[in-house]
Amino acid sequence: MSSAVWYFSRATGLVSLVLFTGVVVLGALGAGRFATPGWPRFAVAAVHRNLALTSLAFLAAHIASAVLDGYVPLSWLDVVLPFGSGYRPVWVGLGAVAIDLLLAIVVTSLLRTRMPPRAWRAVHWLAYLCWPVALAHGIGMAENDTAYGWIVALDALCVLAALGAVAYRVGAKPAPLGGTR
């Protein structure tokens, strides 16, 4: 296929990173019971949920374009089976690990009302592992792009935003286990 598909794949990967960073930030703020008069807790939760859905759409576009591009030998199995790819197995494998973790988070979120709150929360904690694994995938896959300082700066801003939100979450009073967020 054309180089346009490759650029599309890279762009949707970068947009996915930014969007998922927003999801992690809002999730951490919401779990830390963040609220202001302009951003009540229900609004933070609603934006978190809607941003997560938007992120999934961009991630699907990123994955589909990477597999369908054909420039490198990636299969649909490589998307979910970690470290089985013939192309950059470590970095593609980290992407597969992130996808597997994300699938667990998505499935349990869809089933949240049918699950015990502790079980849902335990699985949802995987987001704190999923995001850095996905970030490592992106950094490893973009080693040739490090000449573009803006990509490195974007990665750094995402890391700072996530760390700041997680620091807020750690310092905040925990939400009740059985209650709403």
N, C-alpha and C. Protein backbone atom coordinates (compact mmCIF):
# COMPACT_ATOMS: atom_id res chain seq x y z
N MET A 1 0.84 -1.18 0.00
CA MET A 1 0.00 0.00 0.00
C MET A 1 0.89 1.24 0.00
N SER A 2 0.27 2.38 0.04
CA SER A 2 1.01 3.62 -0.08
C SER A 2 1.59 4.05 1.26
N SER A 3 2.48 5.02 1.17
CA SER A 3 3.04 5.57 2.40
C SER A 3 1.98 6.32 3.20
N ALA A 4 0.88 6.70 2.56
CA ALA A 4 -0.20 7.37 3.27
C ALA A 4 -0.76 6.48 4.37
N VAL A 5 -0.86 5.19 4.11
CA VAL A 5 -1.37 4.26 5.12
C VAL A 5 -0.39 4.17 6.29
N TRP A 6 0.90 4.16 5.98
CA TRP A 6 1.91 4.13 7.04
C TRP A 6 1.80 5.39 7.90
N TYR A 7 1.68 6.56 7.26
CA TYR A 7 1.52 7.80 8.03
C TYR A 7 0.22 7.79 8.83
N PHE A 8 -0.83 7.24 8.26
CA PHE A 8 -2.10 7.14 8.97
C PHE A 8 -1.93 6.27 10.22
N SER A 9 -1.24 5.16 10.07
CA SER A 9 -1.00 4.27 11.21
C SER A 9 -0.20 4.98 12.30
N ARG A 10 0.84 5.67 11.91
CA ARG A 10 1.66 6.42 12.89
C ARG A 10 0.82 7.50 13.56
N ALA A 11 0.06 8.24 12.76
CA ALA A 11 -0.74 9.33 13.32
C ALA A 11 -1.80 8.81 14.28
N THR A 12 -2.49 7.74 13.91
CA THR A 12 -3.52 7.21 14.81
C THR A 12 -2.89 6.60 16.07
N GLY A 13 -1.67 6.11 15.96
CA GLY A 13 -0.97 5.64 17.14
C GLY A 13 -0.65 6.78 18.09
N LEU A 14 -0.18 7.89 17.55
CA LEU A 14 0.13 9.05 18.38
C LEU A 14 -1.13 9.66 18.98
N VAL A 15 -2.18 9.76 18.18
CA VAL A 15 -3.45 10.28 18.71
C VAL A 15 -3.98 9.35 19.79
N SER A 16 -3.85 8.05 19.60
CA SER A 16 -4.28 7.09 20.62
C SER A 16 -3.53 7.30 21.93
N LEU A 17 -2.23 7.55 21.83
CA LEU A 17 -1.45 7.82 23.04
C LEU A 17 -1.99 9.03 23.78
N VAL A 18 -2.23 10.10 23.06
CA VAL A 18 -2.74 11.33 23.70
C VAL A 18 -4.12 11.08 24.31
N LEU A 19 -5.00 10.41 23.56
CA LEU A 19 -6.34 10.16 24.07
C LEU A 19 -6.33 9.23 25.28
N PHE A 20 -5.54 8.15 25.21
CA PHE A 20 -5.47 7.24 26.35
C PHE A 20 -4.79 7.91 27.55
N THR A 21 -3.89 8.83 27.30
CA THR A 21 -3.33 9.60 28.41
C THR A 21 -4.44 10.40 29.09
N GLY A 22 -5.29 11.00 28.29
CA GLY A 22 -6.44 11.72 28.84
C GLY A 22 -7.36 10.80 29.64
N VAL A 23 -7.56 9.57 29.15
CA VAL A 23 -8.38 8.60 29.85
C VAL A 23 -7.76 8.26 31.21
N VAL A 24 -6.46 8.02 31.22
CA VAL A 24 -5.76 7.70 32.47
C VAL A 24 -5.83 8.89 33.43
N VAL A 25 -5.59 10.08 32.91
CA VAL A 25 -5.63 11.28 33.76
C VAL A 25 -7.02 11.44 34.37
N LEU A 26 -8.06 11.37 33.54
CA LEU A 26 -9.41 11.54 34.07
C LEU A 26 -9.81 10.40 35.00
N GLY A 27 -9.36 9.19 34.68
CA GLY A 27 -9.65 8.06 35.57
C GLY A 27 -9.00 8.24 36.93
N ALA A 28 -7.75 8.67 36.94
CA ALA A 28 -7.05 8.88 38.21
C ALA A 28 -7.68 10.04 38.98
N LEU A 29 -8.03 11.11 38.27
CA LEU A 29 -8.68 12.24 38.95
C LEU A 29 -10.04 11.83 39.51
N GLY A 30 -10.79 11.08 38.72
CA GLY A 30 -12.10 10.63 39.19
C GLY A 30 -11.99 9.70 40.38
N ALA A 31 -11.03 8.79 40.34
CA ALA A 31 -10.83 7.88 41.47
C ALA A 31 -10.36 8.63 42.70
N GLY A 32 -9.68 9.74 42.47
CA GLY A 32 -9.24 10.58 43.59
C GLY A 32 -10.31 11.56 44.05
N ARG A 33 -11.52 11.38 43.50
CA ARG A 33 -12.69 12.18 43.87
C ARG A 33 -12.52 13.65 43.51
N PHE A 34 -11.82 13.91 42.42
CA PHE A 34 -11.62 15.28 41.94
C PHE A 34 -12.95 15.87 41.50
N ALA A 35 -13.19 17.11 41.88
CA ALA A 35 -14.38 17.83 41.44
C ALA A 35 -14.17 19.31 41.67
N THR A 36 -14.78 20.10 40.81
CA THR A 36 -14.83 21.55 40.97
C THR A 36 -16.27 21.96 40.65
N PRO A 37 -16.64 23.19 40.92
CA PRO A 37 -18.00 23.61 40.55
C PRO A 37 -18.27 23.46 39.04
N GLY A 38 -17.27 23.69 38.22
CA GLY A 38 -17.44 23.54 36.78
C GLY A 38 -17.30 22.12 36.28
N TRP A 39 -16.64 21.29 37.07
CA TRP A 39 -16.42 19.88 36.71
C TRP A 39 -16.84 18.99 37.87
N PRO A 40 -18.14 18.79 38.06
CA PRO A 40 -18.55 17.86 39.11
C PRO A 40 -18.09 16.44 38.78
N ARG A 41 -18.10 15.58 39.78
CA ARG A 41 -17.56 14.22 39.60
C ARG A 41 -18.27 13.46 38.49
N PHE A 42 -19.58 13.66 38.33
CA PHE A 42 -20.29 12.94 37.27
C PHE A 42 -19.81 13.39 35.89
N ALA A 43 -19.41 14.65 35.76
CA ALA A 43 -18.91 15.14 34.48
C ALA A 43 -17.53 14.56 34.18
N VAL A 44 -16.69 14.48 35.19
CA VAL A 44 -15.37 13.86 35.02
C VAL A 44 -15.54 12.41 34.58
N ALA A 45 -16.47 11.69 35.22
CA ALA A 45 -16.71 10.29 34.87
C ALA A 45 -17.26 10.16 33.46
N ALA A 46 -18.17 11.04 33.07
CA ALA A 46 -18.76 10.98 31.72
C ALA A 46 -17.71 11.27 30.64
N VAL A 47 -16.88 12.27 30.87
CA VAL A 47 -15.83 12.58 29.89
C VAL A 47 -14.82 11.43 29.82
N HIS A 48 -14.48 10.87 30.97
CA HIS A 48 -13.58 9.71 31.02
C HIS A 48 -14.13 8.57 30.16
N ARG A 49 -15.39 8.25 30.34
CA ARG A 49 -16.02 7.14 29.61
C ARG A 49 -16.08 7.44 28.10
N ASN A 50 -16.49 8.64 27.74
CA ASN A 50 -16.61 8.99 26.32
C ASN A 50 -15.24 9.10 25.65
N LEU A 51 -14.26 9.61 26.38
CA LEU A 51 -12.91 9.68 25.83
C LEU A 51 -12.34 8.28 25.64
N ALA A 52 -12.66 7.37 26.55
CA ALA A 52 -12.22 5.97 26.41
C ALA A 52 -12.80 5.35 25.14
N LEU A 53 -14.06 5.61 24.86
CA LEU A 53 -14.68 5.08 23.64
C LEU A 53 -14.04 5.67 22.39
N THR A 54 -13.78 6.96 22.41
CA THR A 54 -13.11 7.61 21.28
C THR A 54 -11.71 7.04 21.10
N SER A 55 -11.02 6.81 22.21
CA SER A 55 -9.67 6.23 22.16
C SER A 55 -9.68 4.86 21.51
N LEU A 56 -10.69 4.07 21.84
CA LEU A 56 -10.80 2.73 21.25
C LEU A 56 -10.97 2.80 19.74
N ALA A 57 -11.72 3.78 19.27
CA ALA A 57 -11.91 3.94 17.82
C ALA A 57 -10.58 4.27 17.13
N PHE A 58 -9.81 5.18 17.71
CA PHE A 58 -8.51 5.52 17.12
C PHE A 58 -7.55 4.34 17.21
N LEU A 59 -7.60 3.60 18.30
CA LEU A 59 -6.74 2.43 18.44
C LEU A 59 -7.10 1.37 17.39
N ALA A 60 -8.39 1.17 17.17
CA ALA A 60 -8.82 0.21 16.14
C ALA A 60 -8.31 0.64 14.77
N ALA A 61 -8.37 1.92 14.48
CA ALA A 61 -7.86 2.43 13.20
C ALA A 61 -6.35 2.23 13.11
N HIS A 62 -5.65 2.45 14.22
CA HIS A 62 -4.19 2.26 14.25
C HIS A 62 -3.84 0.81 13.98
N ILE A 63 -4.51 -0.09 14.65
CA ILE A 63 -4.22 -1.52 14.48
C ILE A 63 -4.57 -1.99 13.08
N ALA A 64 -5.75 -1.63 12.62
CA ALA A 64 -6.18 -2.08 11.29
C ALA A 64 -5.25 -1.56 10.20
N SER A 65 -4.85 -0.31 10.29
CA SER A 65 -3.97 0.24 9.26
C SER A 65 -2.59 -0.41 9.33
N ALA A 66 -2.11 -0.74 10.52
CA ALA A 66 -0.80 -1.39 10.64
C ALA A 66 -0.83 -2.80 10.04
N VAL A 67 -1.91 -3.52 10.29
CA VAL A 67 -2.02 -4.88 9.76
C VAL A 67 -2.27 -4.87 8.25
N LEU A 68 -3.17 -4.00 7.80
CA LEU A 68 -3.55 -3.98 6.39
C LEU A 68 -2.52 -3.32 5.49
N ASP A 69 -1.62 -2.53 6.05
CA ASP A 69 -0.60 -1.83 5.26
C ASP A 69 0.23 -2.81 4.45
N GLY A 70 0.67 -3.87 5.03
CA GLY A 70 1.44 -4.87 4.30
C GLY A 70 2.91 -4.54 4.14
N TYR A 71 3.34 -3.36 4.56
CA TYR A 71 4.75 -3.00 4.44
C TYR A 71 5.60 -3.88 5.33
N VAL A 72 5.08 -4.18 6.50
CA VAL A 72 5.75 -5.12 7.41
C VAL A 72 4.80 -6.29 7.64
N PRO A 73 5.35 -7.46 7.90
CA PRO A 73 4.50 -8.65 8.05
C PRO A 73 3.85 -8.73 9.44
N LEU A 74 2.71 -8.08 9.60
CA LEU A 74 1.94 -8.16 10.84
C LEU A 74 0.63 -8.87 10.54
N SER A 75 0.27 -9.80 11.41
CA SER A 75 -1.00 -10.51 11.24
C SER A 75 -1.95 -10.08 12.36
N TRP A 76 -3.21 -10.45 12.20
CA TRP A 76 -4.19 -10.15 13.24
C TRP A 76 -3.84 -10.90 14.52
N LEU A 77 -3.23 -12.05 14.40
CA LEU A 77 -2.82 -12.81 15.58
C LEU A 77 -1.74 -12.07 16.36
N ASP A 78 -0.85 -11.36 15.63
CA ASP A 78 0.21 -10.58 16.28
C ASP A 78 -0.36 -9.48 17.18
N VAL A 79 -1.59 -9.06 16.89
CA VAL A 79 -2.23 -8.01 17.67
C VAL A 79 -2.54 -8.47 19.09
N VAL A 80 -2.86 -9.75 19.26
CA VAL A 80 -3.26 -10.24 20.58
C VAL A 80 -2.31 -11.28 21.18
N LEU A 81 -1.44 -11.84 20.37
CA LEU A 81 -0.50 -12.85 20.85
C LEU A 81 0.86 -12.19 21.07
N PRO A 82 1.22 -11.93 22.32
CA PRO A 82 2.47 -11.20 22.60
C PRO A 82 3.72 -11.93 22.11
N PHE A 83 4.60 -11.16 21.53
CA PHE A 83 5.96 -11.57 21.16
C PHE A 83 6.02 -12.67 20.11
N GLY A 84 4.98 -12.79 19.29
CA GLY A 84 4.97 -13.79 18.24
C GLY A 84 5.26 -13.21 16.86
N SER A 85 5.36 -11.91 16.77
CA SER A 85 5.55 -11.26 15.48
C SER A 85 6.97 -11.47 14.97
N GLY A 86 7.09 -11.60 13.67
CA GLY A 86 8.42 -11.68 13.06
C GLY A 86 9.04 -10.30 12.90
N TYR A 87 8.24 -9.27 12.99
CA TYR A 87 8.71 -7.89 12.85
C TYR A 87 8.80 -7.25 14.23
N ARG A 88 9.97 -6.85 14.63
CA ARG A 88 10.21 -6.17 15.90
C ARG A 88 9.40 -6.80 17.03
N PRO A 89 9.70 -8.07 17.32
CA PRO A 89 8.85 -8.84 18.23
C PRO A 89 8.69 -8.25 19.63
N VAL A 90 9.71 -7.61 20.15
CA VAL A 90 9.58 -7.03 21.50
C VAL A 90 8.59 -5.88 21.49
N TRP A 91 8.74 -4.96 20.55
CA TRP A 91 7.90 -3.76 20.52
C TRP A 91 6.48 -4.07 20.09
N VAL A 92 6.32 -4.92 19.09
CA VAL A 92 4.98 -5.34 18.69
C VAL A 92 4.36 -6.17 19.82
N GLY A 93 5.18 -6.98 20.48
CA GLY A 93 4.71 -7.79 21.61
C GLY A 93 4.20 -6.94 22.76
N LEU A 94 4.88 -5.84 23.04
CA LEU A 94 4.39 -4.94 24.08
C LEU A 94 3.05 -4.33 23.69
N GLY A 95 2.88 -4.04 22.41
CA GLY A 95 1.59 -3.56 21.94
C GLY A 95 0.51 -4.61 22.15
N ALA A 96 0.83 -5.87 21.89
CA ALA A 96 -0.13 -6.96 22.09
C ALA A 96 -0.46 -7.12 23.57
N VAL A 97 0.53 -6.99 24.44
CA VAL A 97 0.27 -7.06 25.89
C VAL A 97 -0.68 -5.92 26.29
N ALA A 98 -0.42 -4.73 25.79
CA ALA A 98 -1.28 -3.59 26.10
C ALA A 98 -2.70 -3.83 25.60
N ILE A 99 -2.84 -4.41 24.41
CA ILE A 99 -4.17 -4.72 23.87
C ILE A 99 -4.87 -5.74 24.75
N ASP A 100 -4.16 -6.78 25.16
CA ASP A 100 -4.77 -7.81 26.01
C ASP A 100 -5.25 -7.22 27.34
N LEU A 101 -4.42 -6.38 27.94
CA LEU A 101 -4.82 -5.72 29.19
C LEU A 101 -6.03 -4.81 28.95
N LEU A 102 -5.99 -4.07 27.85
CA LEU A 102 -7.09 -3.17 27.53
C LEU A 102 -8.39 -3.93 27.29
N LEU A 103 -8.29 -5.08 26.62
CA LEU A 103 -9.49 -5.90 26.39
C LEU A 103 -10.12 -6.33 27.72
N ALA A 104 -9.28 -6.71 28.68
CA ALA A 104 -9.79 -7.10 29.99
C ALA A 104 -10.49 -5.91 30.66
N ILE A 105 -9.92 -4.73 30.53
CA ILE A 105 -10.52 -3.53 31.12
C ILE A 105 -11.85 -3.21 30.44
N VAL A 106 -11.89 -3.28 29.12
CA VAL A 106 -13.10 -2.96 28.38
C VAL A 106 -14.22 -3.96 28.69
N VAL A 107 -13.89 -5.24 28.65
CA VAL A 107 -14.92 -6.27 28.90
C VAL A 107 -15.49 -6.13 30.30
N THR A 108 -14.64 -5.95 31.29
CA THR A 108 -15.16 -5.81 32.65
C THR A 108 -15.91 -4.50 32.84
N SER A 109 -15.54 -3.46 32.12
CA SER A 109 -16.28 -2.20 32.21
C SER A 109 -17.67 -2.36 31.61
N LEU A 110 -17.77 -3.12 30.54
CA LEU A 110 -19.08 -3.39 29.94
C LEU A 110 -19.96 -4.23 30.88
N LEU A 111 -19.31 -5.06 31.69
CA LEU A 111 -20.03 -5.94 32.61
C LEU A 111 -20.06 -5.39 34.04
N ARG A 112 -19.68 -4.16 34.21
CA ARG A 112 -19.50 -3.58 35.55
C ARG A 112 -20.73 -3.74 36.44
N THR A 113 -21.92 -3.53 35.89
CA THR A 113 -23.12 -3.61 36.72
C THR A 113 -23.45 -5.04 37.12
N ARG A 114 -22.80 -6.01 36.47
CA ARG A 114 -23.06 -7.42 36.79
C ARG A 114 -21.91 -8.05 37.58
N MET A 115 -20.96 -7.23 37.98
CA MET A 115 -19.78 -7.73 38.70
C MET A 115 -19.74 -7.14 40.10
N PRO A 116 -19.12 -7.86 41.02
CA PRO A 116 -18.86 -7.24 42.33
C PRO A 116 -17.91 -6.05 42.14
N PRO A 117 -18.15 -4.96 42.83
CA PRO A 117 -17.30 -3.77 42.67
C PRO A 117 -15.81 -4.05 42.89
N ARG A 118 -15.49 -4.93 43.83
CA ARG A 118 -14.07 -5.24 44.09
C ARG A 118 -13.43 -5.93 42.88
N ALA A 119 -14.17 -6.81 42.24
CA ALA A 119 -13.62 -7.52 41.06
C ALA A 119 -13.41 -6.54 39.91
N TRP A 120 -14.39 -5.67 39.69
CA TRP A 120 -14.23 -4.67 38.62
C TRP A 120 -13.03 -3.77 38.91
N ARG A 121 -12.94 -3.30 40.14
CA ARG A 121 -11.84 -2.39 40.49
C ARG A 121 -10.48 -3.08 40.34
N ALA A 122 -10.41 -4.35 40.73
CA ALA A 122 -9.15 -5.09 40.61
C ALA A 122 -8.70 -5.16 39.15
N VAL A 123 -9.62 -5.44 38.26
CA VAL A 123 -9.26 -5.50 36.84
C VAL A 123 -8.97 -4.10 36.31
N HIS A 124 -9.74 -3.12 36.75
CA HIS A 124 -9.55 -1.75 36.25
C HIS A 124 -8.18 -1.18 36.65
N TRP A 125 -7.60 -1.71 37.72
CA TRP A 125 -6.25 -1.29 38.11
C TRP A 125 -5.23 -1.64 37.02
N LEU A 126 -5.58 -2.55 36.12
CA LEU A 126 -4.67 -2.90 35.01
C LEU A 126 -4.38 -1.70 34.12
N ALA A 127 -5.22 -0.68 34.16
CA ALA A 127 -4.98 0.52 33.37
C ALA A 127 -3.64 1.16 33.74
N TYR A 128 -3.28 1.04 35.02
CA TYR A 128 -2.01 1.61 35.46
C TYR A 128 -0.82 0.81 34.94
N LEU A 129 -1.05 -0.38 34.46
CA LEU A 129 -0.02 -1.18 33.80
C LEU A 129 -0.14 -1.06 32.28
N CYS A 130 -1.35 -1.04 31.79
CA CYS A 130 -1.61 -0.99 30.34
C CYS A 130 -1.00 0.26 29.70
N TRP A 131 -1.21 1.41 30.31
CA TRP A 131 -0.76 2.66 29.71
C TRP A 131 0.77 2.71 29.53
N PRO A 132 1.57 2.40 30.56
CA PRO A 132 3.02 2.46 30.34
C PRO A 132 3.51 1.39 29.36
N VAL A 133 2.85 0.24 29.32
CA VAL A 133 3.24 -0.79 28.35
C VAL A 133 2.97 -0.28 26.94
N ALA A 134 1.81 0.36 26.75
CA ALA A 134 1.49 0.94 25.44
C ALA A 134 2.47 2.06 25.09
N LEU A 135 2.83 2.86 26.07
CA LEU A 135 3.81 3.93 25.84
C LEU A 135 5.15 3.34 25.40
N ALA A 136 5.59 2.29 26.08
CA ALA A 136 6.85 1.64 25.71
C ALA A 136 6.77 1.09 24.29
N HIS A 137 5.61 0.51 23.92
CA HIS A 137 5.40 0.04 22.55
C HIS A 137 5.61 1.18 21.57
N GLY A 138 4.97 2.30 21.84
CA GLY A 138 5.07 3.44 20.94
C GLY A 138 6.48 3.99 20.83
N ILE A 139 7.17 4.08 21.95
CA ILE A 139 8.54 4.59 21.95
C ILE A 139 9.45 3.63 21.19
N GLY A 140 9.29 2.35 21.44
CA GLY A 140 10.13 1.36 20.75
C GLY A 140 9.87 1.29 19.27
N MET A 141 8.62 1.42 18.87
CA MET A 141 8.28 1.38 17.45
C MET A 141 8.72 2.66 16.74
N ALA A 142 8.87 3.73 17.48
CA ALA A 142 9.18 5.03 16.87
C ALA A 142 10.65 5.40 17.01
N GLU A 143 11.52 4.41 17.18
CA GLU A 143 12.92 4.76 17.41
C GLU A 143 13.50 5.60 16.28
N ASN A 144 13.01 5.42 15.06
CA ASN A 144 13.50 6.25 13.96
C ASN A 144 12.89 7.64 13.98
N ASP A 145 11.80 7.81 14.72
CA ASP A 145 11.13 9.10 14.78
C ASP A 145 11.69 10.00 15.87
N THR A 146 12.64 9.50 16.65
CA THR A 146 13.17 10.33 17.74
C THR A 146 13.92 11.55 17.23
N ALA A 147 14.24 11.54 15.95
CA ALA A 147 14.85 12.74 15.36
C ALA A 147 13.85 13.89 15.34
N TYR A 148 12.58 13.54 15.38
CA TYR A 148 11.53 14.56 15.44
C TYR A 148 11.29 14.88 16.90
N GLY A 149 11.83 15.99 17.33
CA GLY A 149 11.76 16.37 18.74
C GLY A 149 10.34 16.49 19.26
N TRP A 150 9.40 16.82 18.40
CA TRP A 150 8.04 17.00 18.87
C TRP A 150 7.43 15.67 19.34
N ILE A 151 7.87 14.56 18.77
CA ILE A 151 7.35 13.26 19.22
C ILE A 151 7.90 12.94 20.60
N VAL A 152 9.16 13.22 20.82
CA VAL A 152 9.75 13.02 22.15
C VAL A 152 9.07 13.94 23.15
N ALA A 153 8.82 15.19 22.76
CA ALA A 153 8.15 16.14 23.65
C ALA A 153 6.72 15.68 23.95
N LEU A 154 6.04 15.14 22.96
CA LEU A 154 4.68 14.63 23.17
C LEU A 154 4.69 13.48 24.17
N ASP A 155 5.63 12.55 23.99
CA ASP A 155 5.76 11.43 24.94
C ASP A 155 6.02 11.96 26.34
N ALA A 156 6.92 12.93 26.46
CA ALA A 156 7.26 13.49 27.78
C ALA A 156 6.05 14.18 28.41
N LEU A 157 5.29 14.93 27.62
CA LEU A 157 4.09 15.59 28.16
C LEU A 157 3.05 14.56 28.63
N CYS A 158 2.90 13.50 27.88
CA CYS A 158 1.97 12.44 28.28
C CYS A 158 2.41 11.80 29.59
N VAL A 159 3.70 11.54 29.72
CA VAL A 159 4.23 10.95 30.95
C VAL A 159 4.00 11.90 32.13
N LEU A 160 4.30 13.18 31.94
CA LEU A 160 4.11 14.15 33.02
C LEU A 160 2.65 14.26 33.43
N ALA A 161 1.74 14.27 32.45
CA ALA A 161 0.31 14.36 32.76
C ALA A 161 -0.14 13.13 33.54
N ALA A 162 0.25 11.96 33.09
CA ALA A 162 -0.15 10.72 33.77
C ALA A 162 0.44 10.67 35.18
N LEU A 163 1.72 11.00 35.31
CA LEU A 163 2.35 10.98 36.64
C LEU A 163 1.70 11.98 37.58
N GLY A 164 1.38 13.15 37.07
CA GLY A 164 0.72 14.16 37.90
C GLY A 164 -0.64 13.69 38.39
N ALA A 165 -1.43 13.08 37.50
CA ALA A 165 -2.75 12.59 37.88
C ALA A 165 -2.65 11.43 38.86
N VAL A 166 -1.71 10.53 38.63
CA VAL A 166 -1.53 9.40 39.54
C VAL A 166 -1.05 9.90 40.90
N ALA A 167 -0.18 10.91 40.92
CA ALA A 167 0.27 11.48 42.20
C ALA A 167 -0.92 12.09 42.94
N TYR A 168 -1.80 12.77 42.21
CA TYR A 168 -3.01 13.31 42.83
C TYR A 168 -3.85 12.17 43.40
N ARG A 169 -4.01 11.10 42.63
CA ARG A 169 -4.81 9.95 43.05
C ARG A 169 -4.25 9.31 44.31
N VAL A 170 -2.93 9.16 44.36
CA VAL A 170 -2.29 8.53 45.52
C VAL A 170 -2.49 9.39 46.77
N GLY A 171 -2.47 10.70 46.60
CA GLY A 171 -2.61 11.60 47.74
C GLY A 171 -4.04 11.86 48.14
N ALA A 172 -5.01 11.44 47.33
CA ALA A 172 -6.41 11.71 47.61
C ALA A 172 -7.02 10.64 48.51
N LYS A 173 -8.11 10.99 49.14
CA LYS A 173 -8.85 10.04 49.98
C LYS A 173 -9.49 8.99 49.05
N PRO A 174 -9.32 7.70 49.34
CA PRO A 174 -9.88 6.67 48.46
C PRO A 174 -11.41 6.68 48.43
N ALA A 175 -11.94 6.31 47.26
CA ALA A 175 -13.39 6.17 47.12
C ALA A 175 -13.85 4.92 47.84
N PRO A 176 -15.08 4.93 48.33
CA PRO A 176 -15.57 3.71 49.00
C PRO A 176 -15.68 2.56 48.01
N LEU A 177 -15.41 1.33 48.48
CA LEU A 177 -15.40 0.17 47.59
C LEU A 177 -16.74 -0.12 46.98
N GLY A 178 -17.80 -0.03 47.69
CA GLY A 178 -19.11 -0.38 47.16
C GLY A 178 -19.84 0.81 46.56
N GLY A 179 -19.31 2.01 46.74
CA GLY A 179 -20.02 3.21 46.30
C GLY A 179 -19.80 3.54 44.84
N THR A 180 -20.44 4.61 44.43
CA THR A 180 -20.26 5.07 43.05
C THR A 180 -19.07 5.99 42.98
N ARG A 181 -18.63 6.20 41.77
CA ARG A 181 -17.47 7.07 41.56
C ARG A 181 -17.94 8.33 41.00
